[in-house]
Amino acid sequence: MTKKIQLIALIIPLSILMVNCSSARKGKSEYVEAKKISYTADVKPIIANSCTPCHMPPQGRKEPFENYEQVKAHITAIIARVKLPQDDRKFMPPVNKKPALTNDQVALLVQWQQQNMPQ
C-alpha cells in the first residue's frame, strides 16, 4: 500500500507539470517576428543625424534626403555607401564630418528596405 501512495504522490505532480508545459507551448509561433521598421520612427532620425547638412537643402549640394520619397528612391545607394570601407573615397558619411553608422544602424536600413520601406 505504501508503494501505491508513493507512486500516486509522484504521478500527480508530474502530470500537472506535463499539462502546464504542453499548454504553455500552444499558440506560440516557432519563430520570432522581425520588428517592423518605419521611415518616420526609425530611418528618418538616422538620415537627419548622419546626412545633415550635405544632403539637406538649402545647404546640401548632394542628392537631397530631406523626406521619405527621396530616401526611399536612394536607399540602395545609401546602403551601398555606408557599407563601404571607411578609407574608400565614396564612403558615407565622410569620416571628417560625421561618425560612421553603427552596424545596428546599417542593419536597420537594410531591414527597412527588405520590409518594402514603410513610411
PDB file of N, CA and C in Angstrom:
ATOM      1  N   MET A   1       0.809  -1.188   0.000  1.00  0.00           N
ATOM      2  CA  MET A   1       0.000   0.000   0.000  1.00  0.00           C
ATOM      3  C   MET A   1       0.857   1.258   0.000  1.00  0.00           C
ATOM      4  N   THR A   2       1.961   1.269   0.684  1.00  0.00           N
ATOM      5  CA  THR A   2       2.843   2.413   0.769  1.00  0.00           C
ATOM      6  C   THR A   2       3.437   2.745  -0.590  1.00  0.00           C
ATOM      7  N   LYS A   3       3.763   1.705  -1.353  1.00  0.00           N
ATOM      8  CA  LYS A   3       4.326   1.941  -2.679  1.00  0.00           C
ATOM      9  C   LYS A   3       3.289   2.588  -3.602  1.00  0.00           C
ATOM     10  N   LYS A   4       2.021   2.196  -3.460  1.00  0.00           N
ATOM     11  CA  LYS A   4       0.966   2.806  -4.272  1.00  0.00           C
ATOM     12  C   LYS A   4       0.816   4.283  -3.926  1.00  0.00           C
ATOM     13  N   ILE A   5       0.888   4.638  -2.697  1.00  0.00           N
ATOM     14  CA  ILE A   5       0.769   6.033  -2.260  1.00  0.00           C
ATOM     15  C   ILE A   5       1.968   6.840  -2.774  1.00  0.00           C
ATOM     16  N   GLN A   6       3.149   6.253  -2.687  1.00  0.00           N
ATOM     17  CA  GLN A   6       4.346   6.931  -3.192  1.00  0.00           C
ATOM     18  C   GLN A   6       4.243   7.148  -4.702  1.00  0.00           C
ATOM     19  N   LEU A   7       3.750   6.138  -5.394  1.00  0.00           N
ATOM     20  CA  LEU A   7       3.601   6.239  -6.841  1.00  0.00           C
ATOM     21  C   LEU A   7       2.586   7.317  -7.208  1.00  0.00           C
ATOM     22  N   ILE A   8       1.473   7.339  -6.523  1.00  0.00           N
ATOM     23  CA  ILE A   8       0.453   8.369  -6.764  1.00  0.00           C
ATOM     24  C   ILE A   8       1.009   9.748  -6.432  1.00  0.00           C
ATOM     25  N   ALA A   9       1.752   9.841  -5.338  1.00  0.00           N
ATOM     26  CA  ALA A   9       2.350  11.119  -4.942  1.00  0.00           C
ATOM     27  C   ALA A   9       3.348  11.611  -5.987  1.00  0.00           C
ATOM     28  N   LEU A  10       3.947  10.717  -6.723  1.00  0.00           N
ATOM     29  CA  LEU A  10       4.897  11.079  -7.775  1.00  0.00           C
ATOM     30  C   LEU A  10       4.180  11.388  -9.087  1.00  0.00           C
ATOM     31  N   ILE A  11       3.150  10.627  -9.394  1.00  0.00           N
ATOM     32  CA  ILE A  11       2.436  10.791 -10.663  1.00  0.00           C
ATOM     33  C   ILE A  11       1.664  12.110 -10.719  1.00  0.00           C
ATOM     34  N   ILE A  12       1.013  12.483  -9.650  1.00  0.00           N
ATOM     35  CA  ILE A  12       0.193  13.702  -9.655  1.00  0.00           C
ATOM     36  C   ILE A  12       1.027  14.950  -9.977  1.00  0.00           C
ATOM     37  N   PRO A  13       2.133  15.219  -9.288  1.00  0.00           N
ATOM     38  CA  PRO A  13       2.925  16.420  -9.651  1.00  0.00           C
ATOM     39  C   PRO A  13       3.490  16.351 -11.073  1.00  0.00           C
ATOM     40  N   LEU A  14       3.915  15.154 -11.477  1.00  0.00           N
ATOM     41  CA  LEU A  14       4.426  15.016 -12.845  1.00  0.00           C
ATOM     42  C   LEU A  14       3.339  15.287 -13.872  1.00  0.00           C
ATOM     43  N   SER A  15       2.129  14.827 -13.616  1.00  0.00           N
ATOM     44  CA  SER A  15       1.005  15.065 -14.529  1.00  0.00           C
ATOM     45  C   SER A  15       0.710  16.555 -14.641  1.00  0.00           C
ATOM     46  N   ILE A  16       0.704  17.227 -13.525  1.00  0.00           N
ATOM     47  CA  ILE A  16       0.455  18.681 -13.519  1.00  0.00           C
ATOM     48  C   ILE A  16       1.552  19.402 -14.286  1.00  0.00           C
ATOM     49  N   LEU A  17       2.776  18.993 -14.073  1.00  0.00           N
ATOM     50  CA  LEU A  17       3.902  19.606 -14.773  1.00  0.00           C
ATOM     51  C   LEU A  17       3.793  19.410 -16.277  1.00  0.00           C
ATOM     52  N   MET A  18       3.447  18.200 -16.698  1.00  0.00           N
ATOM     53  CA  MET A  18       3.335  17.915 -18.132  1.00  0.00           C
ATOM     54  C   MET A  18       2.196  18.697 -18.771  1.00  0.00           C
ATOM     55  N   VAL A  19       1.083  18.821 -18.106  1.00  0.00           N
ATOM     56  CA  VAL A  19      -0.055  19.582 -18.636  1.00  0.00           C
ATOM     57  C   VAL A  19       0.330  21.046 -18.790  1.00  0.00           C
ATOM     58  N   ASN A  20       0.974  21.609 -17.797  1.00  0.00           N
ATOM     59  CA  ASN A  20       1.376  23.013 -17.863  1.00  0.00           C
ATOM     60  C   ASN A  20       2.422  23.257 -18.943  1.00  0.00           C
ATOM     61  N   CYS A  21       3.341  22.359 -19.097  1.00  0.00           N
ATOM     62  CA  CYS A  21       4.386  22.540 -20.116  1.00  0.00           C
ATOM     63  C   CYS A  21       3.810  22.470 -21.518  1.00  0.00           C
ATOM     64  N   SER A  22       2.943  21.513 -21.780  1.00  0.00           N
ATOM     65  CA  SER A  22       2.406  21.383 -23.132  1.00  0.00           C
ATOM     66  C   SER A  22       1.429  22.499 -23.449  1.00  0.00           C
ATOM     67  N   SER A  23       0.661  22.983 -22.478  1.00  0.00           N
ATOM     68  CA  SER A  23      -0.292  24.053 -22.763  1.00  0.00           C
ATOM     69  C   SER A  23       0.414  25.388 -22.929  1.00  0.00           C
ATOM     70  N   ALA A  24       1.585  25.546 -22.337  1.00  0.00           N
ATOM     71  CA  ALA A  24       2.324  26.799 -22.480  1.00  0.00           C
ATOM     72  C   ALA A  24       2.815  26.992 -23.897  1.00  0.00           C
ATOM     73  N   ARG A  25       3.010  25.896 -24.612  1.00  0.00           N
ATOM     74  CA  ARG A  25       3.515  25.992 -25.983  1.00  0.00           C
ATOM     75  C   ARG A  25       2.413  26.262 -26.995  1.00  0.00           C
ATOM     76  N   LYS A  26       1.195  25.892 -26.659  1.00  0.00           N
ATOM     77  CA  LYS A  26       0.099  26.054 -27.609  1.00  0.00           C
ATOM     78  C   LYS A  26      -0.068  27.513 -27.976  1.00  0.00           C
ATOM     79  N   GLY A  27      -0.234  27.777 -29.267  1.00  0.00           N
ATOM     80  CA  GLY A  27      -0.472  29.133 -29.738  1.00  0.00           C
ATOM     81  C   GLY A  27       0.783  29.953 -29.924  1.00  0.00           C
ATOM     82  N   LYS A  28       1.929  29.436 -29.552  1.00  0.00           N
ATOM     83  CA  LYS A  28       3.163  30.191 -29.742  1.00  0.00           C
ATOM     84  C   LYS A  28       3.795  29.802 -31.061  1.00  0.00           C
ATOM     85  N   SER A  29       4.339  30.763 -31.724  1.00  0.00           N
ATOM     86  CA  SER A  29       4.976  30.529 -33.010  1.00  0.00           C
ATOM     87  C   SER A  29       6.372  29.961 -32.812  1.00  0.00           C
ATOM     88  N   GLU A  30       6.858  29.287 -33.823  1.00  0.00           N
ATOM     89  CA  GLU A  30       8.198  28.717 -33.790  1.00  0.00           C
ATOM     90  C   GLU A  30       9.262  29.748 -34.154  1.00  0.00           C
ATOM     91  N   TYR A  31       8.872  30.917 -34.592  1.00  0.00           N
ATOM     92  CA  TYR A  31       9.838  31.942 -34.973  1.00  0.00           C
ATOM     93  C   TYR A  31       9.485  33.265 -34.310  1.00  0.00           C
ATOM     94  N   VAL A  32      10.456  34.135 -34.255  1.00  0.00           N
ATOM     95  CA  VAL A  32      10.257  35.465 -33.702  1.00  0.00           C
ATOM     96  C   VAL A  32      10.031  36.412 -34.868  1.00  0.00           C
ATOM     97  N   GLU A  33       8.966  37.154 -34.807  1.00  0.00           N
ATOM     98  CA  GLU A  33       8.649  38.082 -35.888  1.00  0.00           C
ATOM     99  C   GLU A  33       9.616  39.273 -35.848  1.00  0.00           C
ATOM    100  N   ALA A  34      10.078  39.675 -37.023  1.00  0.00           N
ATOM    101  CA  ALA A  34      11.013  40.796 -37.117  1.00  0.00           C
ATOM    102  C   ALA A  34      10.301  42.094 -36.751  1.00  0.00           C
ATOM    103  N   LYS A  35      11.030  42.986 -36.122  1.00  0.00           N
ATOM    104  CA  LYS A  35      10.485  44.287 -35.753  1.00  0.00           C
ATOM    105  C   LYS A  35      10.101  45.047 -37.019  1.00  0.00           C
ATOM    106  N   LYS A  36       8.949  45.670 -36.988  1.00  0.00           N
ATOM    107  CA  LYS A  36       8.509  46.484 -38.117  1.00  0.00           C
ATOM    108  C   LYS A  36       9.243  47.819 -38.064  1.00  0.00           C
ATOM    109  N   ILE A  37       9.947  48.123 -39.125  1.00  0.00           N
ATOM    110  CA  ILE A  37      10.724  49.361 -39.226  1.00  0.00           C
ATOM    111  C   ILE A  37       9.907  50.372 -40.020  1.00  0.00           C
ATOM    112  N   SER A  38       9.911  51.621 -39.596  1.00  0.00           N
ATOM    113  CA  SER A  38       9.228  52.661 -40.367  1.00  0.00           C
ATOM    114  C   SER A  38      10.207  53.802 -40.646  1.00  0.00           C
ATOM    115  N   TYR A  39       9.923  54.519 -41.706  1.00  0.00           N
ATOM    116  CA  TYR A  39      10.756  55.664 -42.055  1.00  0.00           C
ATOM    117  C   TYR A  39      10.720  56.697 -40.933  1.00  0.00           C
ATOM    118  N   THR A  40       9.514  57.076 -40.526  1.00  0.00           N
ATOM    119  CA  THR A  40       9.356  58.167 -39.568  1.00  0.00           C
ATOM    120  C   THR A  40      10.018  57.871 -38.224  1.00  0.00           C
ATOM    121  N   ALA A  41       9.780  56.681 -37.697  1.00  0.00           N
ATOM    122  CA  ALA A  41      10.285  56.369 -36.353  1.00  0.00           C
ATOM    123  C   ALA A  41      11.733  55.913 -36.327  1.00  0.00           C
ATOM    124  N   ASP A  42      12.185  55.231 -37.376  1.00  0.00           N
ATOM    125  CA  ASP A  42      13.490  54.586 -37.313  1.00  0.00           C
ATOM    126  C   ASP A  42      14.529  55.122 -38.291  1.00  0.00           C
ATOM    127  N   VAL A  43      14.135  55.332 -39.536  1.00  0.00           N
ATOM    128  CA  VAL A  43      15.094  55.712 -40.583  1.00  0.00           C
ATOM    129  C   VAL A  43      15.360  57.216 -40.588  1.00  0.00           C
ATOM    130  N   LYS A  44      14.319  58.004 -40.491  1.00  0.00           N
ATOM    131  CA  LYS A  44      14.464  59.464 -40.550  1.00  0.00           C
ATOM    132  C   LYS A  44      15.480  60.009 -39.533  1.00  0.00           C
ATOM    133  N   PRO A  45      15.460  59.549 -38.265  1.00  0.00           N
ATOM    134  CA  PRO A  45      16.460  60.055 -37.315  1.00  0.00           C
ATOM    135  C   PRO A  45      17.907  59.736 -37.724  1.00  0.00           C
ATOM    136  N   ILE A  46      18.127  58.573 -38.312  1.00  0.00           N
ATOM    137  CA  ILE A  46      19.479  58.216 -38.769  1.00  0.00           C
ATOM    138  C   ILE A  46      19.904  59.145 -39.896  1.00  0.00           C
ATOM    139  N   ILE A  47      19.032  59.342 -40.866  1.00  0.00           N
ATOM    140  CA  ILE A  47      19.335  60.210 -42.007  1.00  0.00           C
ATOM    141  C   ILE A  47      19.565  61.640 -41.532  1.00  0.00           C
ATOM    142  N   ALA A  48      18.684  62.131 -40.668  1.00  0.00           N
ATOM    143  CA  ALA A  48      18.814  63.509 -40.172  1.00  0.00           C
ATOM    144  C   ALA A  48      20.123  63.710 -39.420  1.00  0.00           C
ATOM    145  N   ASN A  49      20.529  62.733 -38.633  1.00  0.00           N
ATOM    146  CA  ASN A  49      21.748  62.858 -37.838  1.00  0.00           C
ATOM    147  C   ASN A  49      23.016  62.666 -38.668  1.00  0.00           C
ATOM    148  N   SER A  50      22.981  61.726 -39.604  1.00  0.00           N
ATOM    149  CA  SER A  50      24.208  61.360 -40.304  1.00  0.00           C
ATOM    150  C   SER A  50      24.381  62.009 -41.671  1.00  0.00           C
ATOM    151  N   CYS A  51      23.324  62.524 -42.252  1.00  0.00           N
ATOM    152  CA  CYS A  51      23.403  63.051 -43.620  1.00  0.00           C
ATOM    153  C   CYS A  51      23.253  64.567 -43.699  1.00  0.00           C
ATOM    154  N   THR A  52      23.019  65.208 -42.555  1.00  0.00           N
ATOM    155  CA  THR A  52      22.883  66.656 -42.497  1.00  0.00           C
ATOM    156  C   THR A  52      24.265  67.271 -42.333  1.00  0.00           C
ATOM    157  N   PRO A  53      24.600  68.349 -42.942  1.00  0.00           N
ATOM    158  CA  PRO A  53      23.809  69.187 -43.836  1.00  0.00           C
ATOM    159  C   PRO A  53      24.002  68.857 -45.316  1.00  0.00           C
ATOM    160  N   CYS A  54      24.893  67.962 -45.650  1.00  0.00           N
ATOM    161  CA  CYS A  54      25.250  67.741 -47.061  1.00  0.00           C
ATOM    162  C   CYS A  54      24.070  67.324 -47.939  1.00  0.00           C
ATOM    163  N   HIS A  55      23.140  66.556 -47.389  1.00  0.00           N
ATOM    164  CA  HIS A  55      22.010  66.086 -48.182  1.00  0.00           C
ATOM    165  C   HIS A  55      20.705  66.765 -47.776  1.00  0.00           C
ATOM    166  N   MET A  56      20.818  67.907 -47.101  1.00  0.00           N
ATOM    167  CA  MET A  56      19.634  68.633 -46.665  1.00  0.00           C
ATOM    168  C   MET A  56      19.670  70.055 -47.226  1.00  0.00           C
ATOM    169  N   PRO A  57      18.895  70.318 -48.285  1.00  0.00           N
ATOM    170  CA  PRO A  57      18.845  71.680 -48.829  1.00  0.00           C
ATOM    171  C   PRO A  57      18.392  72.652 -47.752  1.00  0.00           C
ATOM    172  N   PRO A  58      18.739  73.930 -47.820  1.00  0.00           N
ATOM    173  CA  PRO A  58      19.435  74.586 -48.921  1.00  0.00           C
ATOM    174  C   PRO A  58      20.961  74.467 -48.865  1.00  0.00           C
ATOM    175  N   GLN A  59      21.546  73.999 -47.731  1.00  0.00           N
ATOM    176  CA  GLN A  59      22.999  73.901 -47.652  1.00  0.00           C
ATOM    177  C   GLN A  59      23.544  72.756 -48.493  1.00  0.00           C
ATOM    178  N   GLY A  60      22.783  71.706 -48.622  1.00  0.00           N
ATOM    179  CA  GLY A  60      23.264  70.496 -49.273  1.00  0.00           C
ATOM    180  C   GLY A  60      23.533  70.670 -50.752  1.00  0.00           C
ATOM    181  N   ARG A  61      24.598  70.057 -51.186  1.00  0.00           N
ATOM    182  CA  ARG A  61      24.966  70.121 -52.605  1.00  0.00           C
ATOM    183  C   ARG A  61      24.911  68.728 -53.233  1.00  0.00           C
ATOM    184  N   LYS A  62      24.380  67.779 -52.511  1.00  0.00           N
ATOM    185  CA  LYS A  62      24.283  66.390 -52.962  1.00  0.00           C
ATOM    186  C   LYS A  62      22.807  66.054 -53.161  1.00  0.00           C
ATOM    187  N   GLU A  63      22.551  64.786 -53.541  1.00  0.00           N
ATOM    188  CA  GLU A  63      21.162  64.345 -53.666  1.00  0.00           C
ATOM    189  C   GLU A  63      20.437  64.652 -52.357  1.00  0.00           C
ATOM    190  N   PRO A  64      19.271  65.284 -52.407  1.00  0.00           N
ATOM    191  CA  PRO A  64      18.562  65.603 -51.159  1.00  0.00           C
ATOM    192  C   PRO A  64      17.916  64.361 -50.540  1.00  0.00           C
ATOM    193  N   PHE A  65      18.030  64.258 -49.215  1.00  0.00           N
ATOM    194  CA  PHE A  65      17.414  63.181 -48.445  1.00  0.00           C
ATOM    195  C   PHE A  65      16.536  63.785 -47.360  1.00  0.00           C
ATOM    196  N   GLU A  66      15.767  64.798 -47.700  1.00  0.00           N
ATOM    197  CA  GLU A  66      15.011  65.501 -46.679  1.00  0.00           C
ATOM    198  C   GLU A  66      13.597  64.977 -46.463  1.00  0.00           C
ATOM    199  N   ASN A  67      13.179  63.949 -47.213  1.00  0.00           N
ATOM    200  CA  ASN A  67      11.851  63.391 -46.979  1.00  0.00           C
ATOM    201  C   ASN A  67      11.810  61.909 -47.352  1.00  0.00           C
ATOM    202  N   TYR A  68      10.696  61.298 -47.039  1.00  0.00           N
ATOM    203  CA  TYR A  68      10.512  59.867 -47.247  1.00  0.00           C
ATOM    204  C   TYR A  68      10.752  59.465 -48.698  1.00  0.00           C
ATOM    205  N   GLU A  69      10.129  60.146 -49.634  1.00  0.00           N
ATOM    206  CA  GLU A  69      10.237  59.777 -51.053  1.00  0.00           C
ATOM    207  C   GLU A  69      11.684  59.825 -51.536  1.00  0.00           C
ATOM    208  N   GLN A  70      12.439  60.832 -51.124  1.00  0.00           N
ATOM    209  CA  GLN A  70      13.831  60.958 -51.558  1.00  0.00           C
ATOM    210  C   GLN A  70      14.704  59.848 -50.970  1.00  0.00           C
ATOM    211  N   VAL A  71      14.509  59.538 -49.702  1.00  0.00           N
ATOM    212  CA  VAL A  71      15.300  58.478 -49.075  1.00  0.00           C
ATOM    213  C   VAL A  71      14.919  57.129 -49.682  1.00  0.00           C
ATOM    214  N   LYS A  72      13.640  56.905 -49.872  1.00  0.00           N
ATOM    215  CA  LYS A  72      13.167  55.655 -50.475  1.00  0.00           C
ATOM    216  C   LYS A  72      13.767  55.467 -51.870  1.00  0.00           C
ATOM    217  N   ALA A  73      13.811  56.529 -52.658  1.00  0.00           N
ATOM    218  CA  ALA A  73      14.343  56.453 -54.017  1.00  0.00           C
ATOM    219  C   ALA A  73      15.837  56.142 -54.043  1.00  0.00           C
ATOM    220  N   HIS A  74      16.555  56.495 -52.978  1.00  0.00           N
ATOM    221  CA  HIS A  74      18.012  56.333 -52.955  1.00  0.00           C
ATOM    222  C   HIS A  74      18.517  55.305 -51.948  1.00  0.00           C
ATOM    223  N   ILE A  75      17.621  54.514 -51.357  1.00  0.00           N
ATOM    224  CA  ILE A  75      18.049  53.632 -50.267  1.00  0.00           C
ATOM    225  C   ILE A  75      19.112  52.628 -50.695  1.00  0.00           C
ATOM    226  N   THR A  76      19.040  52.114 -51.899  1.00  0.00           N
ATOM    227  CA  THR A  76      20.051  51.148 -52.352  1.00  0.00           C
ATOM    228  C   THR A  76      21.430  51.798 -52.380  1.00  0.00           C
ATOM    229  N   ALA A  77      21.516  52.999 -52.888  1.00  0.00           N
ATOM    230  CA  ALA A  77      22.791  53.723 -52.936  1.00  0.00           C
ATOM    231  C   ALA A  77      23.258  54.106 -51.528  1.00  0.00           C
ATOM    232  N   ILE A  78      22.335  54.508 -50.685  1.00  0.00           N
ATOM    233  CA  ILE A  78      22.690  54.875 -49.309  1.00  0.00           C
ATOM    234  C   ILE A  78      23.318  53.677 -48.600  1.00  0.00           C
ATOM    235  N   ILE A  79      22.648  52.534 -48.690  1.00  0.00           N
ATOM    236  CA  ILE A  79      23.163  51.326 -48.027  1.00  0.00           C
ATOM    237  C   ILE A  79      24.531  50.943 -48.595  1.00  0.00           C
ATOM    238  N   ALA A  80      24.666  51.008 -49.898  1.00  0.00           N
ATOM    239  CA  ALA A  80      25.955  50.666 -50.520  1.00  0.00           C
ATOM    240  C   ALA A  80      27.068  51.577 -50.010  1.00  0.00           C
ATOM    241  N   ARG A  81      26.794  52.871 -49.906  1.00  0.00           N
ATOM    242  CA  ARG A  81      27.830  53.823 -49.488  1.00  0.00           C
ATOM    243  C   ARG A  81      28.208  53.676 -48.014  1.00  0.00           C
ATOM    244  N   VAL A  82      27.231  53.398 -47.143  1.00  0.00           N
ATOM    245  CA  VAL A  82      27.554  53.276 -45.716  1.00  0.00           C
ATOM    246  C   VAL A  82      28.226  51.942 -45.397  1.00  0.00           C
ATOM    247  N   LYS A  83      28.155  50.986 -46.325  1.00  0.00           N
ATOM    248  CA  LYS A  83      28.808  49.687 -46.129  1.00  0.00           C
ATOM    249  C   LYS A  83      30.233  49.640 -46.674  1.00  0.00           C
ATOM    250  N   LEU A  84      30.636  50.647 -47.407  1.00  0.00           N
ATOM    251  CA  LEU A  84      31.995  50.684 -47.961  1.00  0.00           C
ATOM    252  C   LEU A  84      33.025  50.772 -46.841  1.00  0.00           C
ATOM    253  N   PRO A  85      34.264  50.352 -47.107  1.00  0.00           N
ATOM    254  CA  PRO A  85      35.328  50.577 -46.119  1.00  0.00           C
ATOM    255  C   PRO A  85      35.495  52.078 -45.883  1.00  0.00           C
ATOM    256  N   GLN A  86      35.801  52.451 -44.664  1.00  0.00           N
ATOM    257  CA  GLN A  86      35.892  53.878 -44.332  1.00  0.00           C
ATOM    258  C   GLN A  86      36.981  54.605 -45.100  1.00  0.00           C
ATOM    259  N   ASP A  87      37.976  53.890 -45.612  1.00  0.00           N
ATOM    260  CA  ASP A  87      39.024  54.570 -46.370  1.00  0.00           C
ATOM    261  C   ASP A  87      38.668  54.716 -47.863  1.00  0.00           C
ATOM    262  N   ASP A  88      37.525  54.208 -48.264  1.00  0.00           N
ATOM    263  CA  ASP A  88      37.050  54.376 -49.644  1.00  0.00           C
ATOM    264  C   ASP A  88      36.537  55.807 -49.796  1.00  0.00           C
ATOM    265  N   ARG A  89      36.906  56.472 -50.865  1.00  0.00           N
ATOM    266  CA  ARG A  89      36.514  57.880 -51.030  1.00  0.00           C
ATOM    267  C   ARG A  89      35.012  58.058 -51.190  1.00  0.00           C
ATOM    268  N   LYS A  90      34.273  56.993 -51.512  1.00  0.00           N
ATOM    269  CA  LYS A  90      32.823  57.072 -51.660  1.00  0.00           C
ATOM    270  C   LYS A  90      32.071  56.716 -50.370  1.00  0.00           C
ATOM    271  N   PHE A  91      32.809  56.357 -49.323  1.00  0.00           N
ATOM    272  CA  PHE A  91      32.189  56.017 -48.042  1.00  0.00           C
ATOM    273  C   PHE A  91      31.397  57.197 -47.505  1.00  0.00           C
ATOM    274  N   MET A  92      30.243  56.908 -46.943  1.00  0.00           N
ATOM    275  CA  MET A  92      29.409  57.939 -46.325  1.00  0.00           C
ATOM    276  C   MET A  92      29.040  57.509 -44.917  1.00  0.00           C
ATOM    277  N   PRO A  93      28.903  58.487 -44.042  1.00  0.00           N
ATOM    278  CA  PRO A  93      29.230  59.895 -44.211  1.00  0.00           C
ATOM    279  C   PRO A  93      30.735  60.109 -44.160  1.00  0.00           C
ATOM    280  N   PRO A  94      31.199  61.202 -44.757  1.00  0.00           N
ATOM    281  CA  PRO A  94      32.640  61.457 -44.754  1.00  0.00           C
ATOM    282  C   PRO A  94      33.197  61.424 -43.327  1.00  0.00           C
ATOM    283  N   VAL A  95      34.273  60.707 -43.154  1.00  0.00           N
ATOM    284  CA  VAL A  95      34.856  60.488 -41.825  1.00  0.00           C
ATOM    285  C   VAL A  95      35.195  61.805 -41.127  1.00  0.00           C
ATOM    286  N   ASN A  96      35.616  62.784 -41.869  1.00  0.00           N
ATOM    287  CA  ASN A  96      35.992  64.058 -41.255  1.00  0.00           C
ATOM    288  C   ASN A  96      34.787  64.929 -40.891  1.00  0.00           C
ATOM    289  N   LYS A  97      33.561  64.499 -41.259  1.00  0.00           N
ATOM    290  CA  LYS A  97      32.379  65.313 -40.970  1.00  0.00           C
ATOM    291  C   LYS A  97      31.434  64.677 -39.953  1.00  0.00           C
ATOM    292  N   LYS A  98      31.235  63.396 -40.058  1.00  0.00           N
ATOM    293  CA  LYS A  98      30.284  62.701 -39.177  1.00  0.00           C
ATOM    294  C   LYS A  98      30.836  61.314 -38.843  1.00  0.00           C
ATOM    295  N   PRO A  99      30.438  60.747 -37.699  1.00  0.00           N
ATOM    296  CA  PRO A  99      30.858  59.375 -37.403  1.00  0.00           C
ATOM    297  C   PRO A  99      30.141  58.379 -38.322  1.00  0.00           C
ATOM    298  N   ALA A 100      30.785  57.267 -38.569  1.00  0.00           N
ATOM    299  CA  ALA A 100      30.189  56.218 -39.393  1.00  0.00           C
ATOM    300  C   ALA A 100      28.945  55.666 -38.702  1.00  0.00           C
ATOM    301  N   LEU A 101      28.024  55.151 -39.491  1.00  0.00           N
ATOM    302  CA  LEU A 101      26.854  54.498 -38.932  1.00  0.00           C
ATOM    303  C   LEU A 101      27.300  53.231 -38.211  1.00  0.00           C
ATOM    304  N   THR A 102      26.603  52.900 -37.158  1.00  0.00           N
ATOM    305  CA  THR A 102      26.897  51.660 -36.434  1.00  0.00           C
ATOM    306  C   THR A 102      26.383  50.472 -37.244  1.00  0.00           C
ATOM    307  N   ASN A 103      26.839  49.287 -36.900  1.00  0.00           N
ATOM    308  CA  ASN A 103      26.342  48.077 -37.556  1.00  0.00           C
ATOM    309  C   ASN A 103      24.833  47.938 -37.379  1.00  0.00           C
ATOM    310  N   ASP A 104      24.329  48.314 -36.202  1.00  0.00           N
ATOM    311  CA  ASP A 104      22.888  48.252 -35.952  1.00  0.00           C
ATOM    312  C   ASP A 104      22.124  49.226 -36.837  1.00  0.00           C
ATOM    313  N   GLN A 105      22.667  50.417 -37.047  1.00  0.00           N
ATOM    314  CA  GLN A 105      22.009  51.394 -37.911  1.00  0.00           C
ATOM    315  C   GLN A 105      21.985  50.914 -39.365  1.00  0.00           C
ATOM    316  N   VAL A 106      23.087  50.358 -39.823  1.00  0.00           N
ATOM    317  CA  VAL A 106      23.143  49.823 -41.190  1.00  0.00           C
ATOM    318  C   VAL A 106      22.149  48.671 -41.328  1.00  0.00           C
ATOM    319  N   ALA A 107      22.114  47.789 -40.346  1.00  0.00           N
ATOM    320  CA  ALA A 107      21.184  46.660 -40.376  1.00  0.00           C
ATOM    321  C   ALA A 107      19.738  47.143 -40.393  1.00  0.00           C
ATOM    322  N   LEU A 108      19.454  48.210 -39.670  1.00  0.00           N
ATOM    323  CA  LEU A 108      18.112  48.772 -39.654  1.00  0.00           C
ATOM    324  C   LEU A 108      17.725  49.292 -41.037  1.00  0.00           C
ATOM    325  N   LEU A 109      18.634  49.978 -41.713  1.00  0.00           N
ATOM    326  CA  LEU A 109      18.354  50.460 -43.077  1.00  0.00           C
ATOM    327  C   LEU A 109      18.094  49.289 -44.018  1.00  0.00           C
ATOM    328  N   VAL A 110      18.891  48.245 -43.901  1.00  0.00           N
ATOM    329  CA  VAL A 110      18.718  47.058 -44.741  1.00  0.00           C
ATOM    330  C   VAL A 110      17.367  46.409 -44.455  1.00  0.00           C
ATOM    331  N   GLN A 111      17.027  46.279 -43.188  1.00  0.00           N
ATOM    332  CA  GLN A 111      15.755  45.658 -42.812  1.00  0.00           C
ATOM    333  C   GLN A 111      14.582  46.504 -43.316  1.00  0.00           C
ATOM    334  N   TRP A 112      14.673  47.801 -43.222  1.00  0.00           N
ATOM    335  CA  TRP A 112      13.630  48.691 -43.729  1.00  0.00           C
ATOM    336  C   TRP A 112      13.434  48.476 -45.217  1.00  0.00           C
ATOM    337  N   GLN A 113      14.524  48.374 -45.954  1.00  0.00           N
ATOM    338  CA  GLN A 113      14.442  48.123 -47.391  1.00  0.00           C
ATOM    339  C   GLN A 113      13.779  46.757 -47.646  1.00  0.00           C
ATOM    340  N   GLN A 114      14.154  45.750 -46.897  1.00  0.00           N
ATOM    341  CA  GLN A 114      13.599  44.410 -47.074  1.00  0.00           C
ATOM    342  C   GLN A 114      12.112  44.369 -46.723  1.00  0.00           C
ATOM    343  N   GLN A 115      11.667  45.278 -45.881  1.00  0.00           N
ATOM    344  CA  GLN A 115      10.249  45.348 -45.487  1.00  0.00           C
ATOM    345  C   GLN A 115       9.458  46.267 -46.425  1.00  0.00           C
ATOM    346  N   ASN A 116      10.025  46.563 -47.589  1.00  0.00           N
ATOM    347  CA  ASN A 116       9.378  47.401 -48.608  1.00  0.00           C
ATOM    348  C   ASN A 116       9.172  48.853 -48.170  1.00  0.00           C
ATOM    349  N   MET A 117      10.042  49.324 -47.304  1.00  0.00           N
ATOM    350  CA  MET A 117      10.178  50.717 -46.927  1.00  0.00           C
ATOM    351  C   MET A 117       8.891  51.409 -46.496  1.00  0.00           C
ATOM    352  N   PRO A 118       8.228  50.899 -45.448  1.00  0.00           N
ATOM    353  CA  PRO A 118       7.007  51.566 -44.986  1.00  0.00           C
ATOM    354  C   PRO A 118       7.304  52.948 -44.412  1.00  0.00           C
ATOM    355  N   GLN A 119       6.343  53.821 -44.588  1.00  0.00           N
ATOM    356  CA  GLN A 119       6.520  55.195 -44.117  1.00  0.00           C
ATOM    357  C   GLN A 119       6.270  55.251 -42.626  1.00  0.00           C
TER     358      GLN A 119
END
